[in-house]
Amino acid sequence: MEGRVKFYNAMKRFGFIEGEDGNEYFVHQSALQRGVFLRENDKVSFESAETEKGKQAKNVTLLEKGSEKGKQEYNKEEEEQEEYDQEE
């Protein structure tokens, strides 16, 4: 299934994806490949899973960046996120 990131908090490592079916899916950083970071309006593909806590996105793949940020700024944010990950 495909969808767009509706909300994602990089510090808390979770957010929500609005699927093409109109439903919202919870997404956690653990559902992403290492080194992939989501932002609002990013286009993604994912597998949907029904859990006791509700609908969740699994095996999320980034298809297209939805932000208008320049690549240099994007790379800087990735580096900052990687530094944060290494501190934990």
N, C-alpha and C. Protein backbone atom coordinates (compact mmCIF):
# COMPACT_ATOMS: atom_id res chain seq x y z
N MET A 1 0.85 -1.17 0.00
CA MET A 1 0.00 0.00 0.00
C MET A 1 0.89 1.24 0.00
N GLU A 2 0.39 2.32 -0.53
CA GLU A 2 1.12 3.58 -0.51
C GLU A 2 0.36 4.59 0.34
N GLY A 3 1.08 5.64 0.74
CA GLY A 3 0.47 6.68 1.54
C GLY A 3 1.41 7.85 1.69
N ARG A 4 0.98 8.84 2.47
CA ARG A 4 1.78 10.03 2.75
C ARG A 4 1.92 10.18 4.26
N VAL A 5 3.09 10.65 4.67
CA VAL A 5 3.33 10.88 6.09
C VAL A 5 2.51 12.09 6.52
N LYS A 6 1.65 11.87 7.45
CA LYS A 6 0.78 12.94 7.96
C LYS A 6 1.50 13.71 9.08
N PHE A 7 2.23 12.98 9.91
CA PHE A 7 2.95 13.56 11.05
C PHE A 7 4.08 12.60 11.39
N TYR A 8 5.26 13.17 11.73
CA TYR A 8 6.36 12.33 12.21
C TYR A 8 7.24 13.14 13.13
N ASN A 9 7.48 12.63 14.33
CA ASN A 9 8.34 13.28 15.31
C ASN A 9 9.65 12.49 15.38
N ALA A 10 10.71 13.05 14.82
CA ALA A 10 12.00 12.36 14.75
C ALA A 10 12.59 12.11 16.13
N MET A 11 12.36 13.00 17.06
CA MET A 11 12.91 12.83 18.41
C MET A 11 12.23 11.67 19.14
N LYS A 12 10.92 11.55 18.96
CA LYS A 12 10.18 10.47 19.62
C LYS A 12 10.13 9.21 18.77
N ARG A 13 10.54 9.35 17.49
CA ARG A 13 10.66 8.23 16.56
C ARG A 13 9.33 7.55 16.21
N PHE A 14 8.29 8.33 16.11
CA PHE A 14 7.02 7.77 15.66
C PHE A 14 6.20 8.82 14.96
N GLY A 15 5.16 8.37 14.27
CA GLY A 15 4.26 9.28 13.58
C GLY A 15 3.09 8.52 12.99
N PHE A 16 2.45 9.14 12.00
CA PHE A 16 1.29 8.54 11.37
C PHE A 16 1.35 8.74 9.86
N ILE A 17 0.92 7.71 9.17
CA ILE A 17 0.84 7.72 7.72
C ILE A 17 -0.63 7.65 7.34
N GLU A 18 -1.04 8.48 6.38
CA GLU A 18 -2.38 8.37 5.83
C GLU A 18 -2.29 7.48 4.60
N GLY A 19 -2.89 6.31 4.68
CA GLY A 19 -2.84 5.35 3.58
C GLY A 19 -3.75 5.75 2.44
N GLU A 20 -3.50 5.17 1.27
CA GLU A 20 -4.35 5.46 0.11
C GLU A 20 -5.78 4.99 0.32
N ASP A 21 -5.99 4.15 1.34
CA ASP A 21 -7.34 3.69 1.66
C ASP A 21 -8.07 4.65 2.60
N GLY A 22 -7.40 5.77 2.98
CA GLY A 22 -8.04 6.77 3.83
C GLY A 22 -7.84 6.52 5.32
N ASN A 23 -7.25 5.40 5.70
CA ASN A 23 -7.00 5.10 7.10
C ASN A 23 -5.66 5.65 7.55
N GLU A 24 -5.55 5.88 8.87
CA GLU A 24 -4.27 6.32 9.44
C GLU A 24 -3.57 5.12 10.05
N TYR A 25 -2.24 5.08 9.86
CA TYR A 25 -1.41 3.99 10.36
C TYR A 25 -0.30 4.56 11.22
N PHE A 26 -0.15 4.01 12.41
CA PHE A 26 0.95 4.37 13.29
C PHE A 26 2.23 3.84 12.67
N VAL A 27 3.30 4.64 12.71
CA VAL A 27 4.59 4.19 12.20
C VAL A 27 5.66 4.49 13.24
N HIS A 28 6.52 3.51 13.50
CA HIS A 28 7.64 3.67 14.42
C HIS A 28 8.93 3.57 13.62
N GLN A 29 9.98 4.21 14.10
CA GLN A 29 11.29 4.20 13.43
C GLN A 29 11.74 2.78 13.12
N SER A 30 11.38 1.82 13.95
CA SER A 30 11.81 0.43 13.75
C SER A 30 11.22 -0.18 12.48
N ALA A 31 10.18 0.45 11.90
CA ALA A 31 9.57 -0.04 10.66
C ALA A 31 10.30 0.49 9.43
N LEU A 32 11.31 1.34 9.64
CA LEU A 32 12.06 1.95 8.54
C LEU A 32 13.43 1.29 8.40
N GLN A 33 13.98 1.36 7.20
CA GLN A 33 15.34 0.88 7.00
C GLN A 33 16.30 1.82 7.69
N ARG A 34 17.42 1.29 8.11
CA ARG A 34 18.44 2.10 8.80
C ARG A 34 18.86 3.26 7.89
N GLY A 35 18.92 4.45 8.49
CA GLY A 35 19.34 5.63 7.74
C GLY A 35 18.21 6.36 7.05
N VAL A 36 16.98 5.85 7.13
CA VAL A 36 15.83 6.50 6.50
C VAL A 36 15.09 7.30 7.56
N PHE A 37 14.79 8.56 7.24
CA PHE A 37 14.08 9.44 8.15
C PHE A 37 12.87 10.02 7.43
N LEU A 38 11.75 10.06 8.11
CA LEU A 38 10.52 10.56 7.51
C LEU A 38 10.24 11.99 7.92
N ARG A 39 9.54 12.68 7.03
CA ARG A 39 9.04 14.02 7.28
C ARG A 39 7.62 14.10 6.73
N GLU A 40 6.89 15.11 7.18
CA GLU A 40 5.53 15.30 6.70
C GLU A 40 5.50 15.39 5.18
N ASN A 41 4.50 14.80 4.59
CA ASN A 41 4.22 14.78 3.15
C ASN A 41 5.13 13.86 2.34
N ASP A 42 6.04 13.13 2.99
CA ASP A 42 6.83 12.14 2.25
C ASP A 42 5.89 11.05 1.75
N LYS A 43 6.14 10.57 0.53
CA LYS A 43 5.36 9.48 -0.04
C LYS A 43 6.07 8.17 0.31
N VAL A 44 5.31 7.21 0.82
CA VAL A 44 5.88 5.94 1.26
C VAL A 44 5.04 4.77 0.78
N SER A 45 5.67 3.60 0.77
CA SER A 45 4.92 2.35 0.61
C SER A 45 5.13 1.57 1.90
N PHE A 46 4.16 0.74 2.24
CA PHE A 46 4.25 0.00 3.51
C PHE A 46 3.28 -1.18 3.50
N GLU A 47 3.51 -2.06 4.45
CA GLU A 47 2.58 -3.16 4.70
C GLU A 47 1.73 -2.77 5.89
N SER A 48 0.45 -3.02 5.83
CA SER A 48 -0.42 -2.69 6.95
C SER A 48 -0.54 -3.90 7.87
N ALA A 49 -0.62 -3.60 9.15
CA ALA A 49 -0.78 -4.66 10.15
C ALA A 49 -1.83 -4.20 11.16
N GLU A 50 -2.69 -5.09 11.53
CA GLU A 50 -3.70 -4.81 12.55
C GLU A 50 -3.18 -5.37 13.86
N THR A 51 -2.99 -4.49 14.85
CA THR A 51 -2.48 -4.93 16.14
C THR A 51 -3.52 -4.62 17.21
N GLU A 52 -3.24 -5.06 18.43
CA GLU A 52 -4.18 -4.77 19.52
C GLU A 52 -4.28 -3.28 19.81
N LYS A 53 -3.27 -2.51 19.36
CA LYS A 53 -3.29 -1.05 19.55
C LYS A 53 -3.82 -0.32 18.33
N GLY A 54 -4.17 -1.04 17.27
CA GLY A 54 -4.71 -0.40 16.08
C GLY A 54 -3.88 -0.68 14.84
N LYS A 55 -4.13 0.08 13.80
CA LYS A 55 -3.45 -0.12 12.52
C LYS A 55 -2.02 0.41 12.59
N GLN A 56 -1.07 -0.39 12.08
CA GLN A 56 0.32 0.01 12.07
C GLN A 56 0.93 -0.22 10.70
N ALA A 57 1.91 0.61 10.38
CA ALA A 57 2.67 0.47 9.13
C ALA A 57 3.94 -0.32 9.43
N LYS A 58 4.21 -1.33 8.63
CA LYS A 58 5.42 -2.15 8.76
C LYS A 58 6.17 -2.12 7.44
N ASN A 59 7.47 -2.38 7.49
CA ASN A 59 8.30 -2.43 6.28
C ASN A 59 8.09 -1.20 5.40
N VAL A 60 8.26 -0.04 6.00
CA VAL A 60 8.03 1.23 5.31
C VAL A 60 9.21 1.57 4.40
N THR A 61 8.89 1.94 3.17
CA THR A 61 9.91 2.34 2.19
C THR A 61 9.60 3.75 1.72
N LEU A 62 10.60 4.61 1.75
CA LEU A 62 10.45 5.98 1.27
C LEU A 62 10.45 5.98 -0.25
N LEU A 63 9.39 6.52 -0.86
CA LEU A 63 9.28 6.58 -2.31
C LEU A 63 9.68 7.95 -2.85
N GLU A 64 9.28 8.99 -2.14
CA GLU A 64 9.52 10.35 -2.63
C GLU A 64 9.49 11.33 -1.46
N LYS A 65 10.49 12.21 -1.41
CA LYS A 65 10.51 13.24 -0.37
C LYS A 65 9.43 14.27 -0.67
N GLY A 66 8.68 14.64 0.33
CA GLY A 66 7.62 15.61 0.15
C GLY A 66 8.03 17.02 0.54
N SER A 67 9.18 17.16 1.16
CA SER A 67 9.61 18.47 1.62
C SER A 67 10.24 19.27 0.49
N GLU A 68 10.32 20.55 0.70
CA GLU A 68 10.92 21.45 -0.28
C GLU A 68 12.34 21.85 0.14
N LYS A 69 12.86 21.19 1.16
CA LYS A 69 14.19 21.54 1.67
C LYS A 69 15.26 21.16 0.67
N GLY A 70 16.32 21.93 0.67
CA GLY A 70 17.46 21.63 -0.18
C GLY A 70 18.19 20.40 0.31
N LYS A 71 18.88 19.72 -0.57
CA LYS A 71 19.59 18.49 -0.22
C LYS A 71 20.63 18.74 0.87
N GLN A 72 21.32 19.87 0.85
CA GLN A 72 22.33 20.15 1.84
C GLN A 72 21.72 20.21 3.24
N GLU A 73 20.59 20.89 3.37
CA GLU A 73 19.92 20.98 4.67
C GLU A 73 19.42 19.61 5.11
N TYR A 74 18.90 18.83 4.18
CA TYR A 74 18.43 17.49 4.46
C TYR A 74 19.57 16.63 4.99
N ASN A 75 20.74 16.69 4.34
CA ASN A 75 21.89 15.90 4.76
C ASN A 75 22.33 16.30 6.16
N LYS A 76 22.28 17.59 6.48
CA LYS A 76 22.66 18.07 7.80
C LYS A 76 21.73 17.47 8.86
N GLU A 77 20.46 17.44 8.58
CA GLU A 77 19.50 16.87 9.53
C GLU A 77 19.73 15.38 9.70
N GLU A 78 20.07 14.67 8.62
CA GLU A 78 20.38 13.25 8.72
C GLU A 78 21.58 13.02 9.63
N GLU A 79 22.61 13.83 9.46
CA GLU A 79 23.81 13.71 10.29
C GLU A 79 23.48 13.96 11.76
N GLU A 80 22.66 14.96 12.03
CA GLU A 80 22.26 15.25 13.40
C GLU A 80 21.48 14.08 14.00
N GLN A 81 20.61 13.47 13.20
CA GLN A 81 19.82 12.33 13.69
C GLN A 81 20.74 11.14 13.97
N GLU A 82 21.72 10.89 13.10
CA GLU A 82 22.66 9.79 13.31
C GLU A 82 23.48 10.02 14.57
N GLU A 83 23.90 11.25 14.83
CA GLU A 83 24.63 11.56 16.07
C GLU A 83 23.76 11.29 17.28
N TYR A 84 22.49 11.66 17.20
CA TYR A 84 21.55 11.43 18.29
C TYR A 84 21.38 9.93 18.52
N ASP A 85 21.26 9.16 17.44
CA ASP A 85 21.11 7.71 17.55
C ASP A 85 22.31 7.08 18.23
N GLN A 86 23.51 7.55 17.91
CA GLN A 86 24.72 6.98 18.46
C GLN A 86 24.88 7.29 19.94
N GLU A 87 24.30 8.39 20.40
CA GLU A 87 24.40 8.76 21.80
C GLU A 87 23.56 7.86 22.70
N GLU A 88 22.55 7.23 22.16
CA GLU A 88 21.66 6.40 22.98
C GLU A 88 22.24 5.06 23.29
